[in-house]
N, C-alpha and C. Protein backbone atom coordinates (compact mmCIF):
# COMPACT_ATOMS: atom_id res chain seq x y z
N MET A 1 -2.17 -4.74 6.93
CA MET A 1 -1.45 -5.10 8.13
C MET A 1 -2.30 -6.06 8.95
N LYS A 2 -1.63 -7.04 9.53
CA LYS A 2 -2.35 -8.08 10.25
C LYS A 2 -2.17 -7.93 11.76
N LEU A 3 -3.28 -8.02 12.48
CA LEU A 3 -3.30 -7.89 13.93
C LEU A 3 -3.08 -9.26 14.57
N ASN A 4 -2.16 -9.33 15.52
CA ASN A 4 -1.95 -10.54 16.31
C ASN A 4 -2.68 -10.32 17.63
N ALA A 5 -3.96 -10.64 17.64
CA ALA A 5 -4.82 -10.36 18.80
C ALA A 5 -4.33 -11.07 20.06
N GLU A 6 -3.87 -12.30 19.92
CA GLU A 6 -3.38 -13.05 21.09
C GLU A 6 -2.20 -12.32 21.74
N TRP A 7 -1.27 -11.83 20.91
CA TRP A 7 -0.11 -11.12 21.45
C TRP A 7 -0.57 -9.85 22.17
N HIS A 8 -1.47 -9.10 21.55
CA HIS A 8 -1.96 -7.86 22.16
C HIS A 8 -2.65 -8.11 23.50
N LEU A 9 -3.41 -9.19 23.61
CA LEU A 9 -4.10 -9.49 24.86
C LEU A 9 -3.13 -9.83 25.99
N THR A 10 -2.02 -10.46 25.65
CA THR A 10 -1.06 -10.87 26.68
C THR A 10 0.07 -9.87 26.90
N HIS A 11 0.14 -8.82 26.08
CA HIS A 11 1.21 -7.83 26.20
C HIS A 11 0.67 -6.40 26.11
N PRO A 12 -0.13 -5.99 27.09
CA PRO A 12 -0.64 -4.61 27.04
C PRO A 12 0.48 -3.61 27.35
N MET A 13 0.35 -2.43 26.80
CA MET A 13 1.28 -1.35 27.15
C MET A 13 1.04 -1.02 28.63
N PRO A 14 2.11 -0.89 29.41
CA PRO A 14 1.91 -0.56 30.83
C PRO A 14 1.23 0.79 31.01
N PRO A 15 0.52 0.96 32.11
CA PRO A 15 -0.07 2.28 32.36
C PRO A 15 1.04 3.30 32.63
N ARG A 16 0.87 4.50 32.13
CA ARG A 16 1.86 5.57 32.29
C ARG A 16 3.27 5.09 31.96
N PRO A 17 3.47 4.59 30.73
CA PRO A 17 4.77 4.00 30.39
C PRO A 17 5.89 5.05 30.30
N THR A 18 7.06 4.63 30.75
CA THR A 18 8.26 5.46 30.58
C THR A 18 8.73 5.30 29.14
N LEU A 19 9.70 6.08 28.75
CA LEU A 19 10.28 5.92 27.41
C LEU A 19 10.87 4.52 27.26
N GLU A 20 11.53 4.02 28.30
CA GLU A 20 12.09 2.67 28.26
C GLU A 20 10.98 1.63 28.06
N ASP A 21 9.87 1.78 28.77
CA ASP A 21 8.73 0.87 28.62
C ASP A 21 8.23 0.90 27.18
N ARG A 22 8.10 2.09 26.63
CA ARG A 22 7.58 2.24 25.27
C ARG A 22 8.52 1.60 24.25
N ILE A 23 9.81 1.84 24.40
CA ILE A 23 10.78 1.25 23.48
C ILE A 23 10.71 -0.28 23.56
N HIS A 24 10.74 -0.82 24.76
CA HIS A 24 10.68 -2.27 24.94
C HIS A 24 9.41 -2.84 24.32
N TRP A 25 8.26 -2.21 24.60
CA TRP A 25 6.99 -2.70 24.07
C TRP A 25 6.97 -2.65 22.54
N HIS A 26 7.41 -1.54 21.97
CA HIS A 26 7.36 -1.40 20.51
C HIS A 26 8.33 -2.34 19.81
N LEU A 27 9.49 -2.63 20.40
CA LEU A 27 10.40 -3.61 19.82
C LEU A 27 9.75 -4.99 19.82
N ALA A 28 9.14 -5.37 20.93
CA ALA A 28 8.45 -6.65 21.00
C ALA A 28 7.26 -6.68 20.04
N HIS A 29 6.55 -5.58 19.96
CA HIS A 29 5.39 -5.49 19.07
C HIS A 29 5.81 -5.67 17.61
N ALA A 30 6.89 -5.01 17.21
CA ALA A 30 7.36 -5.12 15.83
C ALA A 30 7.73 -6.55 15.47
N ALA A 31 8.22 -7.31 16.45
CA ALA A 31 8.61 -8.69 16.21
C ALA A 31 7.43 -9.64 16.18
N ASN A 32 6.29 -9.23 16.73
CA ASN A 32 5.17 -10.15 16.89
C ASN A 32 3.87 -9.76 16.21
N CYS A 33 3.77 -8.55 15.74
CA CYS A 33 2.52 -8.07 15.16
C CYS A 33 2.83 -7.02 14.11
N SER A 34 2.02 -6.97 13.10
CA SER A 34 2.23 -5.96 12.05
C SER A 34 0.97 -5.13 11.84
N CYS A 35 0.28 -4.83 12.95
CA CYS A 35 -1.00 -4.14 12.83
C CYS A 35 -0.86 -2.65 12.56
N ARG A 36 0.32 -2.08 12.88
CA ARG A 36 0.49 -0.65 12.63
C ARG A 36 1.97 -0.30 12.57
N ILE A 37 2.24 0.87 12.07
CA ILE A 37 3.61 1.36 11.97
C ILE A 37 4.04 1.92 13.32
N MET A 38 5.30 1.71 13.66
CA MET A 38 5.85 2.23 14.91
C MET A 38 5.85 3.75 14.87
N PRO A 39 5.51 4.40 15.98
CA PRO A 39 5.55 5.87 16.00
C PRO A 39 6.95 6.38 15.66
N GLU A 40 7.00 7.46 14.92
CA GLU A 40 8.27 8.02 14.47
C GLU A 40 9.18 8.38 15.65
N SER A 41 8.61 8.91 16.72
CA SER A 41 9.44 9.29 17.88
C SER A 41 10.14 8.07 18.49
N ILE A 42 9.45 6.95 18.53
CA ILE A 42 10.05 5.72 19.08
C ILE A 42 11.10 5.19 18.11
N ARG A 43 10.79 5.19 16.82
CA ARG A 43 11.75 4.71 15.82
C ARG A 43 13.03 5.54 15.87
N LYS A 44 12.92 6.84 15.99
CA LYS A 44 14.11 7.70 16.06
C LYS A 44 14.94 7.40 17.31
N GLU A 45 14.27 7.18 18.43
CA GLU A 45 14.99 6.87 19.67
C GLU A 45 15.69 5.52 19.56
N ILE A 46 15.05 4.55 18.95
CA ILE A 46 15.66 3.24 18.75
C ILE A 46 16.89 3.36 17.86
N GLU A 47 16.77 4.12 16.78
CA GLU A 47 17.91 4.33 15.88
C GLU A 47 19.04 5.07 16.59
N ALA A 48 18.71 6.05 17.43
CA ALA A 48 19.74 6.79 18.17
C ALA A 48 20.51 5.88 19.12
N ARG A 49 19.87 4.82 19.56
CA ARG A 49 20.52 3.86 20.47
C ARG A 49 21.19 2.72 19.71
N ASP A 50 21.20 2.81 18.39
CA ASP A 50 21.79 1.77 17.53
C ASP A 50 21.16 0.40 17.75
N LEU A 51 19.87 0.38 18.03
CA LEU A 51 19.14 -0.87 18.16
C LEU A 51 18.53 -1.23 16.81
N VAL A 52 18.29 -2.50 16.60
CA VAL A 52 17.69 -2.97 15.36
C VAL A 52 16.22 -3.26 15.62
N VAL A 53 15.37 -2.79 14.75
CA VAL A 53 13.94 -3.05 14.87
C VAL A 53 13.64 -4.38 14.19
N PRO A 54 13.27 -5.40 14.97
CA PRO A 54 12.96 -6.69 14.37
C PRO A 54 11.57 -6.67 13.74
N THR A 55 11.37 -7.54 12.80
CA THR A 55 10.05 -7.75 12.22
C THR A 55 9.74 -9.23 12.32
N ALA A 56 8.48 -9.58 12.29
CA ALA A 56 8.11 -10.99 12.32
C ALA A 56 8.78 -11.73 11.17
N ARG A 57 8.86 -11.10 10.04
CA ARG A 57 9.48 -11.72 8.87
C ARG A 57 10.98 -11.93 9.09
N SER A 58 11.67 -10.96 9.69
CA SER A 58 13.12 -11.09 9.88
C SER A 58 13.47 -12.16 10.91
N LEU A 59 12.53 -12.53 11.77
CA LEU A 59 12.80 -13.53 12.80
C LEU A 59 12.45 -14.95 12.37
N ARG A 60 11.94 -15.11 11.18
CA ARG A 60 11.57 -16.47 10.70
C ARG A 60 12.79 -17.27 10.38
């Protein structure tokens, strides 16, 4: 898995993030970096909301 250090430096997770903050951050993270797998709890919540998890590859 490849780390996009520039993206991480400019997009830190907010302090004391809400569930909405976490979902938003992880969706953006999935589209811009492939350094780690999304937490299962976040993935399940995204699926429950019928959202699509983007990947850097799918956005090319």
